[in-house]
């Protein structure tokens, strides 16, 4: 029997989450995506952040969001 894919970060199965994105070597669920966005946004808004870090975080969030939208469109 084939094991159901699960999030590589929290180990929730595809059955336990609404969205599970497959990467090259890992999966990530929508809960972990949301948590990572929150962490990145907190980091960007901290007083110690600089403009390059802000732009890097923004670009990372944009890439992940585009991939998530594409997955929804392909369903």
Protein backbone atom coordinates (compact mmCIF):
# COMPACT_ATOMS: atom_id res chain seq x y z
CA UNK A 1 0.00 0.00 0.00
CA UNK A 2 1.32 3.45 -0.95
CA UNK A 3 1.71 5.93 1.87
CA UNK A 4 -0.31 9.14 1.54
CA UNK A 5 1.94 12.20 1.02
CA UNK A 6 2.43 14.35 4.10
CA UNK A 7 3.82 17.76 4.96
CA UNK A 8 7.57 17.59 5.45
CA UNK A 9 7.36 20.18 8.22
CA UNK A 10 4.41 19.17 10.43
CA UNK A 11 3.81 15.62 9.12
CA UNK A 12 0.09 16.17 8.49
CA UNK A 13 -1.21 13.95 5.71
CA UNK A 14 -2.92 15.19 2.57
CA UNK A 15 -6.19 14.02 4.13
CA UNK A 16 -5.67 16.35 7.13
CA UNK A 17 -4.95 19.54 5.18
CA UNK A 18 -6.73 21.44 2.45
CA UNK A 19 -3.65 22.10 0.36
CA UNK A 20 -0.40 20.16 0.13
CA UNK A 21 2.19 21.53 -2.29
CA UNK A 22 4.80 19.17 -3.65
CA UNK A 23 8.28 20.53 -4.12
CA UNK A 24 11.27 18.82 -5.64
CA UNK A 25 12.17 16.97 -2.44
CA UNK A 26 9.45 17.88 0.06
CA UNK A 27 5.80 18.73 0.65
CA UNK A 28 4.40 21.73 2.52
CA UNK A 29 0.82 22.18 3.75
CA UNK A 30 -1.23 25.35 3.80
CA UNK A 31 -0.89 25.66 7.59
CA UNK A 32 2.91 25.64 7.35
CA UNK A 33 2.79 28.10 4.44
CA UNK A 34 0.66 30.45 6.52
CA UNK A 35 2.97 30.08 9.51
CA UNK A 36 6.04 30.74 7.37
CA UNK A 37 4.40 33.86 5.87
CA UNK A 38 3.65 35.12 9.37
CA UNK A 39 7.24 34.50 10.47
CA UNK A 40 8.65 36.22 7.38
CA UNK A 41 6.35 39.21 7.75
CA UNK A 42 7.28 39.56 11.43
CA UNK A 43 10.94 39.46 10.46
CA UNK A 44 10.48 42.05 7.74
CA UNK A 45 8.64 44.41 10.06
CA UNK A 46 11.23 44.20 12.84
CA UNK A 47 13.36 47.25 13.49
CA UNK A 48 16.53 45.37 12.58
CA UNK A 49 15.45 44.51 9.05
CA UNK A 50 17.00 46.25 6.08
CA UNK A 51 15.64 46.98 2.63
CA UNK A 52 17.40 44.02 0.97
CA UNK A 53 15.96 41.57 3.50
CA UNK A 54 12.54 43.11 2.95
CA UNK A 55 12.81 42.69 -0.82
CA UNK A 56 14.12 39.13 -0.49
CA UNK A 57 11.21 38.18 1.76
CA UNK A 58 8.71 39.87 -0.52
CA UNK A 59 10.05 38.01 -3.56
CA UNK A 60 9.98 34.70 -1.71
CA UNK A 61 6.38 35.24 -0.64
CA UNK A 62 5.45 36.18 -4.21
CA UNK A 63 7.03 33.02 -5.66
CA UNK A 64 5.28 30.74 -3.17
CA UNK A 65 1.94 32.48 -3.66
CA UNK A 66 2.20 32.17 -7.45
CA UNK A 67 2.89 28.45 -7.15
CA UNK A 68 -0.06 27.99 -4.78
CA UNK A 69 -2.38 29.84 -7.16
CA UNK A 70 -1.20 27.71 -10.09
CA UNK A 71 -1.91 24.53 -8.14
CA UNK A 72 -5.45 25.72 -7.38
CA UNK A 73 -5.99 26.63 -11.04
CA UNK A 74 -4.77 23.21 -12.19
CA UNK A 75 -7.27 21.35 -9.98
